[in-house]
Amino acid sequence: MTDILAWIVLLVLLASAVAMFFIAGSLPGHIAKARNHPWAQAVTVAGWVTLICGFALWPIALIWAYVDVPARRSSTETGAPRRSLPSSTCISSSSSC
């Protein structure tokens, strides 16, 4: 009877370890897709590759899932006045421009 109980416990532990591996591998990609990350597919691949290759860089993939680089805005969107160069430049200091 104890042998059967030991096998059941072993199978439950093995199934839990496999489930945790798959949850940890897909977590960065899932977070990136939920947050509409511009590189969600790359975050997904990074999560799996770093988990399979030793787990050391997996937290970086998780952080990357949360970090979103904002798009560069033009000066018209920010409301800042556009600066233009003068049409003629004055080189001589003696003449008034």
N, C-alpha and C. Protein backbone atom coordinates (compact mmCIF):
# COMPACT_ATOMS: atom_id res chain seq x y z
N MET A 1 0.81 -1.20 0.00
CA MET A 1 0.00 0.00 0.00
C MET A 1 0.86 1.27 0.00
N THR A 2 1.95 1.25 0.75
CA THR A 2 2.80 2.45 0.80
C THR A 2 3.51 2.68 -0.53
N ASP A 3 3.78 1.60 -1.28
CA ASP A 3 4.41 1.76 -2.59
C ASP A 3 3.48 2.51 -3.55
N ILE A 4 2.21 2.20 -3.51
CA ILE A 4 1.25 2.87 -4.38
C ILE A 4 1.14 4.34 -4.00
N LEU A 5 1.10 4.63 -2.71
CA LEU A 5 1.03 6.01 -2.24
C LEU A 5 2.29 6.78 -2.64
N ALA A 6 3.43 6.15 -2.57
CA ALA A 6 4.68 6.79 -2.97
C ALA A 6 4.67 7.11 -4.47
N TRP A 7 4.17 6.18 -5.29
CA TRP A 7 4.09 6.45 -6.73
C TRP A 7 3.11 7.58 -7.04
N ILE A 8 2.01 7.62 -6.32
CA ILE A 8 1.03 8.70 -6.52
C ILE A 8 1.66 10.05 -6.17
N VAL A 9 2.35 10.12 -5.05
CA VAL A 9 3.01 11.36 -4.66
C VAL A 9 4.07 11.75 -5.68
N LEU A 10 4.84 10.79 -6.17
CA LEU A 10 5.86 11.06 -7.17
C LEU A 10 5.25 11.60 -8.47
N LEU A 11 4.15 10.99 -8.91
CA LEU A 11 3.49 11.46 -10.13
C LEU A 11 2.90 12.86 -9.95
N VAL A 12 2.34 13.15 -8.78
CA VAL A 12 1.79 14.48 -8.52
C VAL A 12 2.92 15.51 -8.51
N LEU A 13 4.04 15.19 -7.90
CA LEU A 13 5.18 16.11 -7.89
C LEU A 13 5.74 16.33 -9.29
N LEU A 14 5.83 15.27 -10.08
CA LEU A 14 6.33 15.39 -11.44
C LEU A 14 5.37 16.23 -12.30
N ALA A 15 4.08 15.99 -12.16
CA ALA A 15 3.10 16.77 -12.91
C ALA A 15 3.13 18.23 -12.48
N SER A 16 3.32 18.50 -11.20
CA SER A 16 3.41 19.87 -10.72
C SER A 16 4.65 20.57 -11.26
N ALA A 17 5.76 19.86 -11.31
CA ALA A 17 7.00 20.45 -11.83
C ALA A 17 6.86 20.77 -13.32
N VAL A 18 6.26 19.89 -14.09
CA VAL A 18 6.06 20.15 -15.52
C VAL A 18 5.11 21.32 -15.71
N ALA A 19 4.04 21.38 -14.93
CA ALA A 19 3.08 22.49 -15.04
C ALA A 19 3.74 23.82 -14.68
N MET A 20 4.55 23.84 -13.64
CA MET A 20 5.24 25.08 -13.26
C MET A 20 6.24 25.51 -14.34
N PHE A 21 6.89 24.56 -14.98
CA PHE A 21 7.81 24.88 -16.06
C PHE A 21 7.07 25.55 -17.21
N PHE A 22 5.92 25.01 -17.61
CA PHE A 22 5.16 25.60 -18.70
C PHE A 22 4.54 26.94 -18.32
N ILE A 23 4.12 27.09 -17.09
CA ILE A 23 3.58 28.37 -16.64
C ILE A 23 4.68 29.43 -16.64
N ALA A 24 5.84 29.07 -16.11
CA ALA A 24 6.95 30.03 -16.07
C ALA A 24 7.44 30.38 -17.47
N GLY A 25 7.44 29.44 -18.39
CA GLY A 25 7.89 29.71 -19.75
C GLY A 25 6.95 30.62 -20.52
N SER A 26 5.67 30.47 -20.29
CA SER A 26 4.71 31.26 -21.04
C SER A 26 4.31 32.56 -20.35
N LEU A 27 4.71 32.76 -19.12
CA LEU A 27 4.30 33.95 -18.36
C LEU A 27 4.76 35.26 -18.99
N PRO A 28 6.04 35.45 -19.37
CA PRO A 28 6.42 36.73 -19.98
C PRO A 28 5.65 37.04 -21.27
N GLY A 29 5.45 36.03 -22.10
CA GLY A 29 4.72 36.25 -23.34
C GLY A 29 3.25 36.58 -23.09
N HIS A 30 2.66 35.92 -22.13
CA HIS A 30 1.26 36.20 -21.79
C HIS A 30 1.08 37.62 -21.28
N ILE A 31 1.99 38.06 -20.43
CA ILE A 31 1.93 39.42 -19.89
C ILE A 31 2.14 40.44 -21.01
N ALA A 32 3.10 40.17 -21.90
CA ALA A 32 3.38 41.10 -23.00
C ALA A 32 2.18 41.22 -23.94
N LYS A 33 1.52 40.11 -24.24
CA LYS A 33 0.35 40.15 -25.12
C LYS A 33 -0.81 40.87 -24.45
N ALA A 34 -0.98 40.67 -23.16
CA ALA A 34 -2.07 41.34 -22.43
C ALA A 34 -1.85 42.84 -22.35
N ARG A 35 -0.60 43.28 -22.32
CA ARG A 35 -0.29 44.71 -22.24
C ARG A 35 -0.07 45.34 -23.60
N ASN A 36 -0.34 44.60 -24.69
CA ASN A 36 -0.15 45.07 -26.07
C ASN A 36 1.27 45.59 -26.29
N HIS A 37 2.23 44.80 -25.87
CA HIS A 37 3.64 45.14 -26.04
C HIS A 37 3.98 45.11 -27.52
N PRO A 38 4.77 46.08 -28.01
CA PRO A 38 5.09 46.07 -29.44
C PRO A 38 5.91 44.87 -29.89
N TRP A 39 6.66 44.26 -29.00
CA TRP A 39 7.47 43.08 -29.33
C TRP A 39 7.01 41.88 -28.51
N ALA A 40 5.73 41.61 -28.49
CA ALA A 40 5.19 40.53 -27.66
C ALA A 40 5.72 39.17 -28.09
N GLN A 41 5.87 38.95 -29.38
CA GLN A 41 6.38 37.66 -29.85
C GLN A 41 7.84 37.47 -29.43
N ALA A 42 8.63 38.50 -29.47
CA ALA A 42 10.03 38.41 -29.05
C ALA A 42 10.12 38.15 -27.55
N VAL A 43 9.24 38.74 -26.78
CA VAL A 43 9.23 38.49 -25.33
C VAL A 43 8.86 37.04 -25.06
N THR A 44 7.92 36.51 -25.83
CA THR A 44 7.53 35.10 -25.67
C THR A 44 8.70 34.18 -25.95
N VAL A 45 9.39 34.43 -27.04
CA VAL A 45 10.56 33.59 -27.39
C VAL A 45 11.65 33.74 -26.34
N ALA A 46 11.89 34.96 -25.88
CA ALA A 46 12.92 35.18 -24.86
C ALA A 46 12.57 34.45 -23.57
N GLY A 47 11.30 34.45 -23.20
CA GLY A 47 10.90 33.73 -21.99
C GLY A 47 11.19 32.25 -22.06
N TRP A 48 10.86 31.62 -23.21
CA TRP A 48 11.11 30.19 -23.35
C TRP A 48 12.60 29.87 -23.49
N VAL A 49 13.31 30.65 -24.29
CA VAL A 49 14.73 30.36 -24.51
C VAL A 49 15.53 30.52 -23.22
N THR A 50 15.28 31.59 -22.49
CA THR A 50 16.04 31.80 -21.26
C THR A 50 15.66 30.79 -20.18
N LEU A 51 14.43 30.33 -20.18
CA LEU A 51 14.04 29.31 -19.21
C LEU A 51 14.70 27.97 -19.54
N ILE A 52 14.72 27.62 -20.79
CA ILE A 52 15.31 26.34 -21.20
C ILE A 52 16.83 26.36 -21.04
N CYS A 53 17.45 27.51 -21.31
CA CYS A 53 18.92 27.59 -21.29
C CYS A 53 19.49 27.96 -19.92
N GLY A 54 18.77 27.80 -18.88
CA GLY A 54 19.38 27.95 -17.58
C GLY A 54 18.71 28.88 -16.60
N PHE A 55 17.63 29.52 -16.95
CA PHE A 55 16.81 30.30 -16.05
C PHE A 55 17.47 31.59 -15.55
N ALA A 56 18.75 31.80 -15.77
CA ALA A 56 19.43 32.97 -15.20
C ALA A 56 18.91 34.28 -15.78
N LEU A 57 18.59 34.31 -17.06
CA LEU A 57 18.12 35.54 -17.69
C LEU A 57 16.61 35.61 -17.80
N TRP A 58 15.87 34.64 -17.27
CA TRP A 58 14.43 34.64 -17.34
C TRP A 58 13.81 35.87 -16.67
N PRO A 59 14.32 36.35 -15.53
CA PRO A 59 13.74 37.57 -14.96
C PRO A 59 13.86 38.79 -15.87
N ILE A 60 14.88 38.83 -16.72
CA ILE A 60 15.01 39.95 -17.66
C ILE A 60 13.88 39.89 -18.68
N ALA A 61 13.53 38.70 -19.14
CA ALA A 61 12.40 38.57 -20.07
C ALA A 61 11.10 38.98 -19.39
N LEU A 62 10.97 38.67 -18.11
CA LEU A 62 9.77 39.06 -17.37
C LEU A 62 9.70 40.58 -17.21
N ILE A 63 10.82 41.21 -16.93
CA ILE A 63 10.86 42.68 -16.82
C ILE A 63 10.56 43.30 -18.18
N TRP A 64 11.10 42.71 -19.24
CA TRP A 64 10.88 43.22 -20.59
C TRP A 64 9.39 43.18 -20.95
N ALA A 65 8.67 42.20 -20.42
CA ALA A 65 7.23 42.12 -20.70
C ALA A 65 6.48 43.31 -20.12
N TYR A 66 6.98 43.88 -19.04
CA TYR A 66 6.32 45.02 -18.42
C TYR A 66 6.78 46.36 -18.97
N VAL A 67 7.99 46.42 -19.54
CA VAL A 67 8.55 47.68 -20.01
C VAL A 67 8.10 47.91 -21.45
N ASP A 68 7.54 49.07 -21.70
CA ASP A 68 7.09 49.43 -23.03
C ASP A 68 7.77 50.74 -23.41
N VAL A 69 8.49 50.72 -24.52
CA VAL A 69 9.17 51.92 -24.98
C VAL A 69 8.12 52.83 -25.61
N PRO A 70 7.96 54.05 -25.11
CA PRO A 70 6.95 54.92 -25.70
C PRO A 70 7.36 55.36 -27.10
N ALA A 71 6.38 55.59 -27.93
CA ALA A 71 6.65 56.02 -29.29
C ALA A 71 7.14 57.46 -29.28
N ARG A 72 8.06 57.76 -30.17
CA ARG A 72 8.59 59.12 -30.27
C ARG A 72 7.50 60.02 -30.86
N ARG A 73 7.25 61.11 -30.18
CA ARG A 73 6.22 62.04 -30.64
C ARG A 73 6.88 63.18 -31.39
N SER A 74 6.18 63.68 -32.40
CA SER A 74 6.71 64.80 -33.16
C SER A 74 6.41 66.09 -32.41
N SER A 75 7.00 67.19 -32.86
CA SER A 75 6.83 68.46 -32.16
C SER A 75 5.40 68.98 -32.29
N THR A 76 4.68 68.59 -33.33
CA THR A 76 3.30 69.05 -33.47
C THR A 76 2.38 68.37 -32.47
N GLU A 77 2.71 67.14 -32.07
CA GLU A 77 1.89 66.45 -31.08
C GLU A 77 2.13 66.98 -29.68
N THR A 78 3.32 67.45 -29.39
CA THR A 78 3.63 67.92 -28.05
C THR A 78 3.17 69.35 -27.82
N GLY A 79 2.88 70.08 -28.89
CA GLY A 79 2.45 71.46 -28.74
C GLY A 79 3.61 72.43 -28.69
N ALA A 80 4.82 71.95 -28.86
CA ALA A 80 5.99 72.82 -28.84
C ALA A 80 6.09 73.54 -30.18
N PRO A 81 6.53 74.79 -30.16
CA PRO A 81 6.65 75.50 -31.42
C PRO A 81 7.79 74.92 -32.26
N ARG A 82 7.58 74.92 -33.55
CA ARG A 82 8.63 74.42 -34.44
C ARG A 82 9.66 75.51 -34.64
N ARG A 83 10.88 75.13 -34.59
CA ARG A 83 11.98 76.07 -34.78
C ARG A 83 12.50 75.91 -36.20
N SER A 84 12.71 77.02 -36.84
CA SER A 84 13.27 76.96 -38.19
C SER A 84 14.54 77.81 -38.23
N LEU A 85 15.42 77.45 -39.11
CA LEU A 85 16.65 78.20 -39.27
C LEU A 85 16.36 79.50 -40.03
N PRO A 86 17.09 80.55 -39.73
CA PRO A 86 16.88 81.79 -40.48
C PRO A 86 17.26 81.60 -41.94
N SER A 87 16.60 82.37 -42.81
CA SER A 87 16.85 82.21 -44.24
C SER A 87 18.23 82.72 -44.63
N SER A 88 18.73 83.73 -43.94
CA SER A 88 20.07 84.22 -44.23
C SER A 88 20.82 84.38 -42.92
N THR A 89 22.07 84.10 -42.94
CA THR A 89 22.89 84.25 -41.75
C THR A 89 23.85 85.40 -41.94
N CYS A 90 24.15 86.09 -40.89
CA CYS A 90 25.03 87.24 -40.94
C CYS A 90 26.40 86.82 -40.46
N ILE A 91 27.42 86.88 -41.31
CA ILE A 91 28.77 86.47 -40.94
C ILE A 91 29.56 87.66 -40.42
N SER A 92 29.40 88.79 -41.03
CA SER A 92 30.17 89.97 -40.66
C SER A 92 29.57 90.62 -39.41
N SER A 93 30.42 90.96 -38.46
CA SER A 93 29.94 91.59 -37.24
C SER A 93 29.72 93.10 -37.41
N SER A 94 30.28 93.69 -38.47
CA SER A 94 30.17 95.15 -38.66
C SER A 94 28.84 95.55 -39.28
N SER A 95 28.26 94.70 -40.07
CA SER A 95 26.99 95.06 -40.69
C SER A 95 25.82 94.53 -39.88
N SER A 96 24.77 95.24 -39.89
CA SER A 96 23.58 94.78 -39.16
C SER A 96 22.75 93.91 -40.09
N CYS A 97 22.25 92.88 -39.58
CA CYS A 97 21.50 91.93 -40.41
C CYS A 97 20.02 92.15 -40.30
